[in-house]
Amino acid sequence: MIEDKLLNKWLNDDLTDAEKDAFSKREDFALNQKIIEDSKYFKASEFSKVDDFETFKAKYKVRSSVKRLNWLKPVLRIASVLVIGLAIYFTMFMNDSMVEQHTQFAEKTTIKLPDLSSVTLNADSKITYDKDSWYDIRQLNLKGEAYFKVAKGKTFDVITDNGVVTVVGTEFNVKARSDYFKVVCYEGIVKVTSDTITRQLLAGDTFRILNNEFSQDKIEAAQPEWVENRSSFKAVPLKDVVSELERQFNVQVTFKDTKTTRLFSGGFTHNNLEKALSAITQPMGLTYKISSHNQVLIYGNTD
């Protein structure tokens, strides 16, 4: 199943204030609350909070070996977990009004939303939204990277595992990949909330959290470079730069004798793999080798 960090943290009552705000804006929030209330009738209140279902099963096995005669309570506890899981599954995956758009590696695409706002997805990215409630609640979930041109109207929210971006009518880019969260405002005003940090961005402002370190900067570009098949970086670890190269060219890169946490500043184009590899490796004194089946080796010293 698809990992949902916010949902897991919500079930464990472990959300930060910013995450609570983001979770409350999800289209399935009301249903999730109702499921939790209904699950109380399964008498599941005595079991302790668990991080995941596998942990719960492990605890259940230990407990059942001690009290085999008390079989009814464990059954009801499992039933409550299954009811919650199944209901959320059908809400997320069987709801006909939910729309999912995604890109593969080495692919980009532009999507029109119901209000004619546009979203350009970078490689290996995905958005989901509810088309039926769109004009009442303009919000979508993003995994990956996307460039937005938002039509004027009600508040427009982009929800990611890393934070929430809120606008009215503007142009901006959001990158949310693992421990890399970056927002760039190209037009209008953008509000960004991530954990305890909240900032308002004007045109040309950037917001970045990389490896749990927050920074802001200024740019002069009119739109993201990746829209024009270029990627650029400023003091970004080599491993993150190469991850982007893998997405743009659909290749697998391995390292040998290379310190992948070294910071890289520069860029590469998306139309020639060898030129892109040279642009990354030469400034860092590294060497690369392309083998069959889209495999690439980057090697050098660890200095």
Protein backbone atom coordinates (compact mmCIF):
# COMPACT_ATOMS: atom_id res chain seq x y z
CA MET A 1 0.00 0.00 0.00
CA ILE A 2 1.07 3.57 -0.57
CA GLU A 3 2.73 5.06 2.50
CA ASP A 4 0.79 7.91 4.08
CA LYS A 5 2.96 9.57 6.69
CA LEU A 6 0.36 12.12 7.74
CA LEU A 7 -2.31 9.46 8.23
CA ASN A 8 -0.02 7.27 10.35
CA LYS A 9 1.00 10.23 12.51
CA TRP A 10 -2.65 11.31 12.87
CA LEU A 11 -3.70 7.83 14.04
CA ASN A 12 -0.92 8.03 16.65
CA ASP A 13 -1.82 11.63 17.67
CA ASP A 14 1.71 12.69 16.71
CA LEU A 15 1.06 15.55 14.25
CA THR A 16 2.68 18.95 14.62
CA ASP A 17 0.43 22.02 14.46
CA ALA A 18 1.34 22.59 10.82
CA GLU A 19 0.70 18.94 9.96
CA LYS A 20 -2.66 19.06 11.76
CA ASP A 21 -3.61 22.03 9.61
CA ALA A 22 -2.55 20.18 6.46
CA PHE A 23 -4.34 16.96 7.44
CA SER A 24 -7.57 18.79 8.28
CA LYS A 25 -7.66 20.13 4.71
CA ARG A 26 -7.56 16.68 3.11
CA GLU A 27 -10.69 15.59 1.29
CA ASP A 28 -10.91 12.41 3.39
CA PHE A 29 -10.53 14.14 6.78
CA ALA A 30 -14.21 14.06 7.75
CA LEU A 31 -14.52 10.40 6.82
CA ASN A 32 -11.37 9.48 8.74
CA GLN A 33 -12.82 11.13 11.84
CA LYS A 34 -16.08 9.23 11.43
CA ILE A 35 -14.21 5.94 11.02
CA ILE A 36 -12.33 6.51 14.26
CA GLU A 37 -15.59 7.30 16.07
CA ASP A 38 -17.34 4.24 14.64
CA SER A 39 -14.40 2.00 15.46
CA LYS A 40 -15.01 2.64 19.16
CA TYR A 41 -17.96 0.26 18.96
CA PHE A 42 -15.48 -2.53 18.31
CA LYS A 43 -14.19 -2.08 21.88
CA ALA A 44 -10.69 -1.36 20.67
CA SER A 45 -9.91 1.37 23.18
CA GLU A 46 -7.63 -0.82 25.29
CA PHE A 47 -4.96 -1.50 22.71
CA SER A 48 -1.94 0.77 22.71
CA LYS A 49 -0.89 3.01 19.83
CA VAL A 50 1.31 1.32 17.27
CA ASP A 51 3.42 2.71 14.47
CA ASP A 52 2.19 0.20 11.90
CA PHE A 53 0.11 -2.94 11.49
CA GLU A 54 3.16 -5.26 11.51
CA THR A 55 4.11 -3.97 14.95
CA PHE A 56 0.54 -4.53 16.10
CA LYS A 57 0.61 -8.13 14.87
CA ALA A 58 3.88 -8.78 16.69
CA LYS A 59 2.45 -7.43 19.93
CA TYR A 60 -0.70 -9.47 19.45
CA LYS A 61 1.28 -12.71 19.03
CA VAL A 62 3.13 -12.16 22.30
CA ARG A 63 -0.04 -11.24 24.13
CA SER A 64 -2.05 -14.17 22.80
CA SER A 65 0.59 -16.70 23.90
CA VAL A 66 0.04 -15.60 27.50
CA LYS A 67 -3.75 -15.26 27.52
CA ARG A 68 -5.08 -17.76 25.03
CA LEU A 69 -8.45 -18.04 26.79
CA ASN A 70 -9.11 -14.33 26.42
CA TRP A 71 -9.59 -14.58 22.66
CA LEU A 72 -12.43 -12.18 22.05
CA LYS A 73 -10.63 -8.90 22.79
CA PRO A 74 -7.75 -9.49 20.33
CA VAL A 75 -10.26 -10.40 17.62
CA LEU A 76 -12.18 -7.20 18.16
CA ARG A 77 -8.98 -5.17 18.20
CA ILE A 78 -7.89 -6.61 14.87
CA ALA A 79 -11.38 -6.05 13.48
CA SER A 80 -11.25 -2.37 14.38
CA VAL A 81 -7.91 -1.93 12.63
CA LEU A 82 -9.23 -3.73 9.54
CA VAL A 83 -12.40 -1.61 9.49
CA ILE A 84 -10.32 1.57 9.60
CA GLY A 85 -7.91 0.32 6.96
CA LEU A 86 -10.59 -0.94 4.57
CA ALA A 87 -12.72 2.18 4.88
CA ILE A 88 -9.75 4.44 4.19
CA TYR A 89 -8.69 2.19 1.29
CA PHE A 90 -12.11 2.41 -0.36
CA THR A 91 -12.20 6.16 0.22
CA MET A 92 -8.80 6.67 -1.40
CA PHE A 93 -8.92 4.08 -4.18
CA MET A 94 -12.59 3.41 -4.96
CA ASN A 95 -13.80 7.00 -5.02
CA ASP A 96 -14.70 7.80 -8.62
CA SER A 97 -14.33 11.53 -8.04
CA MET A 98 -10.64 11.21 -7.13
CA VAL A 99 -8.30 12.01 -10.01
CA GLU A 100 -4.67 10.90 -10.14
CA GLN A 101 -2.14 12.18 -12.66
CA HIS A 102 1.46 11.02 -12.70
CA THR A 103 4.62 10.90 -14.78
CA GLN A 104 7.17 8.16 -15.29
CA PHE A 105 10.94 8.55 -15.30
CA ALA A 106 12.15 10.68 -18.26
CA GLU A 107 8.65 12.14 -18.70
CA LYS A 108 7.02 15.53 -18.13
CA THR A 109 3.42 16.54 -18.73
CA THR A 110 1.08 19.53 -18.32
CA ILE A 111 -2.39 19.05 -16.83
CA LYS A 112 -5.40 21.35 -16.79
CA LEU A 113 -7.37 21.39 -13.54
CA PRO A 114 -11.17 21.93 -13.46
CA ASP A 115 -10.77 25.70 -12.91
CA LEU A 116 -8.26 25.89 -15.82
CA SER A 117 -5.30 26.22 -13.48
CA SER A 118 -2.37 24.32 -14.98
CA VAL A 119 0.12 21.94 -13.41
CA THR A 120 3.32 20.82 -15.14
CA LEU A 121 4.67 17.64 -13.56
CA ASN A 122 8.38 16.91 -13.56
CA ALA A 123 9.61 13.33 -14.00
CA ASP A 124 8.50 10.73 -11.43
CA SER A 125 5.83 12.96 -9.86
CA LYS A 126 2.15 12.60 -8.96
CA ILE A 127 -0.86 14.72 -8.00
CA THR A 128 -4.27 13.63 -6.70
CA TYR A 129 -7.41 15.73 -6.22
CA ASP A 130 -11.20 15.49 -5.91
CA LYS A 131 -12.80 16.79 -9.11
CA ASP A 132 -16.33 16.90 -7.63
CA SER A 133 -15.43 19.22 -4.76
CA TRP A 134 -12.80 21.22 -6.64
CA TYR A 135 -14.76 24.46 -6.91
CA ASP A 136 -15.48 24.39 -3.17
CA ILE A 137 -12.05 23.22 -2.01
CA ARG A 138 -9.13 23.80 -4.37
CA GLN A 139 -6.55 21.45 -2.93
CA LEU A 140 -4.38 18.64 -4.22
CA ASN A 141 -1.74 16.27 -2.94
CA LEU A 142 1.71 16.27 -4.53
CA LYS A 143 4.53 13.76 -4.48
CA GLY A 144 7.55 14.88 -6.49
CA GLU A 145 7.89 18.22 -8.28
CA ALA A 146 5.42 20.44 -10.12
CA TYR A 147 5.11 23.95 -11.55
CA PHE A 148 1.74 25.62 -10.95
CA LYS A 149 -0.07 28.42 -12.76
CA VAL A 150 -3.10 29.03 -10.56
CA ALA A 151 -6.24 30.75 -11.82
CA LYS A 152 -7.66 33.41 -9.53
CA GLY A 153 -10.35 32.19 -7.16
CA LYS A 154 -10.59 30.53 -3.78
CA THR A 155 -7.56 29.50 -1.76
CA PHE A 156 -5.44 26.89 -3.54
CA ASP A 157 -3.54 24.39 -1.34
CA VAL A 158 -0.74 22.03 -2.34
CA ILE A 159 -0.30 19.38 0.35
CA THR A 160 2.93 17.38 0.57
CA ASP A 161 4.56 15.16 3.19
CA ASN A 162 7.07 17.98 3.75
CA GLY A 163 4.71 20.93 4.14
CA VAL A 164 1.76 22.91 2.78
CA VAL A 165 1.79 25.65 0.14
CA THR A 166 -1.17 28.06 0.05
CA VAL A 167 -1.95 30.63 -2.66
CA VAL A 168 -4.85 32.42 -4.37
CA GLY A 169 -3.73 33.18 -7.92
CA THR A 170 -0.05 32.91 -8.76
CA GLU A 171 2.78 30.94 -10.35
CA PHE A 172 5.09 28.81 -8.24
CA ASN A 173 7.12 25.60 -8.16
CA VAL A 174 7.05 22.94 -5.44
CA LYS A 175 9.64 20.19 -5.03
CA ALA A 176 8.89 17.61 -2.34
CA ARG A 177 11.17 14.59 -2.50
CA SER A 178 12.26 12.70 0.62
CA ASP A 179 14.29 15.18 2.75
CA TYR A 180 14.34 17.87 0.01
CA PHE A 181 11.52 20.47 0.12
CA LYS A 182 11.76 23.61 -2.01
CA VAL A 183 9.22 26.24 -3.03
CA VAL A 184 9.86 29.06 -5.51
CA CYS A 185 7.40 31.91 -6.12
CA TYR A 186 7.42 33.34 -9.66
CA GLU A 187 4.34 35.57 -9.44
CA GLY A 188 1.97 36.74 -6.71
CA ILE A 189 2.23 35.65 -3.08
CA VAL A 190 2.81 32.17 -1.67
CA LYS A 191 2.47 30.99 1.93
CA VAL A 192 4.60 27.99 2.93
CA THR A 193 4.24 26.01 6.15
CA SER A 194 6.58 23.17 7.13
CA ASP A 195 6.66 21.91 10.71
CA THR A 196 7.31 25.02 12.84
CA ILE A 197 8.41 27.26 9.95
CA THR A 198 5.96 29.53 8.12
CA ARG A 199 7.02 32.04 5.47
CA GLN A 200 5.30 34.31 2.96
CA LEU A 201 7.08 34.42 -0.40
CA LEU A 202 6.92 37.17 -3.01
CA ALA A 203 7.98 36.84 -6.65
CA GLY A 204 11.62 35.78 -6.78
CA ASP A 205 11.70 34.34 -3.26
CA THR A 206 12.67 30.74 -2.49
CA PHE A 207 12.05 28.51 0.52
CA ARG A 208 14.23 25.43 1.00
CA ILE A 209 14.57 22.70 3.61
CA LEU A 210 17.34 20.25 2.76
CA ASN A 211 18.47 17.62 5.26
CA ASN A 212 16.48 19.48 7.95
CA GLU A 213 18.31 22.77 7.29
CA PHE A 214 16.20 25.79 6.33
CA SER A 215 17.37 28.51 3.92
CA GLN A 216 15.92 31.28 1.75
CA ASP A 217 17.27 32.86 -1.41
CA LYS A 218 16.39 35.08 -4.39
CA ILE A 219 16.11 34.18 -8.07
CA GLU A 220 15.47 36.13 -11.26
CA ALA A 221 14.07 33.36 -13.49
CA ALA A 222 10.54 33.63 -14.90
CA GLN A 223 9.83 29.90 -14.56
CA PRO A 224 11.58 26.70 -13.42
CA GLU A 225 14.53 25.64 -15.56
CA TRP A 226 13.35 22.03 -15.67
CA VAL A 227 10.33 23.14 -17.73
CA GLU A 228 12.88 24.01 -20.43
CA ASN A 229 14.74 20.70 -19.96
CA ARG A 230 17.49 22.00 -17.67
CA SER A 231 18.24 21.28 -14.03
CA SER A 232 20.34 23.57 -11.86
CA PHE A 233 21.53 23.27 -8.27
CA LYS A 234 23.10 25.47 -5.61
CA ALA A 235 25.03 23.70 -2.83
CA VAL A 236 23.08 20.45 -3.16
CA PRO A 237 24.55 17.05 -2.13
CA LEU A 238 25.83 14.98 -5.05
CA LYS A 239 23.42 12.14 -4.25
CA ASP A 240 20.41 14.45 -4.71
CA VAL A 241 21.80 15.83 -7.98
CA VAL A 242 22.31 12.31 -9.33
CA SER A 243 18.82 11.29 -8.19
CA GLU A 244 17.44 14.05 -10.42
CA LEU A 245 19.60 12.84 -13.32
CA GLU A 246 18.20 9.32 -12.82
CA ARG A 247 14.66 10.66 -13.05
CA GLN A 248 15.32 12.71 -16.18
CA PHE A 249 17.14 9.95 -18.11
CA ASN A 250 15.59 6.78 -16.60
CA VAL A 251 18.99 5.35 -15.62
CA GLN A 252 20.39 3.73 -12.49
CA VAL A 253 23.57 5.22 -11.06
CA THR A 254 25.91 3.53 -8.60
CA PHE A 255 28.88 5.10 -6.83
CA LYS A 256 32.35 3.76 -6.12
CA ASP A 257 34.94 5.54 -3.99
CA THR A 258 32.80 8.66 -4.05
CA LYS A 259 31.64 10.87 -1.20
CA THR A 260 28.01 11.46 -2.15
CA THR A 261 27.43 14.17 0.46
CA ARG A 262 29.79 16.60 -1.31
CA LEU A 263 27.95 19.74 -2.36
CA PHE A 264 27.43 20.45 -6.05
CA SER A 265 26.63 23.79 -7.69
CA GLY A 266 25.91 23.76 -11.41
CA GLY A 267 23.50 22.05 -13.76
CA PHE A 268 22.82 19.82 -16.75
CA THR A 269 20.46 19.59 -19.72
CA HIS A 270 17.97 16.76 -20.22
CA ASN A 271 18.65 15.91 -23.86
CA ASN A 272 22.06 14.18 -23.71
CA LEU A 273 23.09 11.74 -20.97
CA GLU A 274 26.84 11.90 -21.58
CA LYS A 275 26.89 15.70 -21.54
CA ALA A 276 24.82 15.68 -18.36
CA LEU A 277 27.19 13.23 -16.67
CA SER A 278 30.20 15.28 -17.72
CA ALA A 279 28.62 18.44 -16.35
CA ILE A 280 28.26 16.75 -12.97
CA THR A 281 31.45 14.69 -12.71
CA GLN A 282 34.12 16.94 -14.24
CA PRO A 283 33.80 19.85 -11.76
CA MET A 284 34.06 17.33 -8.90
CA GLY A 285 37.04 15.43 -10.27
CA LEU A 286 35.03 12.25 -10.84
CA THR A 287 34.75 9.78 -13.72
CA TYR A 288 31.74 7.96 -15.13
CA LYS A 289 31.13 4.83 -17.17
CA ILE A 290 27.93 3.93 -19.02
CA SER A 291 27.18 0.22 -19.40
CA SER A 292 24.26 -1.62 -20.97
CA HIS A 293 20.71 -1.63 -19.59
CA ASN A 294 20.84 2.02 -18.53
CA GLN A 295 23.45 1.42 -15.84
CA VAL A 296 25.94 4.17 -14.92
CA LEU A 297 28.94 3.99 -12.60
CA ILE A 298 30.41 7.16 -11.06
CA TYR A 299 33.75 6.71 -9.37
CA GLY A 300 36.69 8.67 -8.03
CA ASN A 301 38.41 9.44 -4.75
CA THR A 302 36.73 10.35 -1.45
CA ASP A 303 38.68 13.55 -0.81
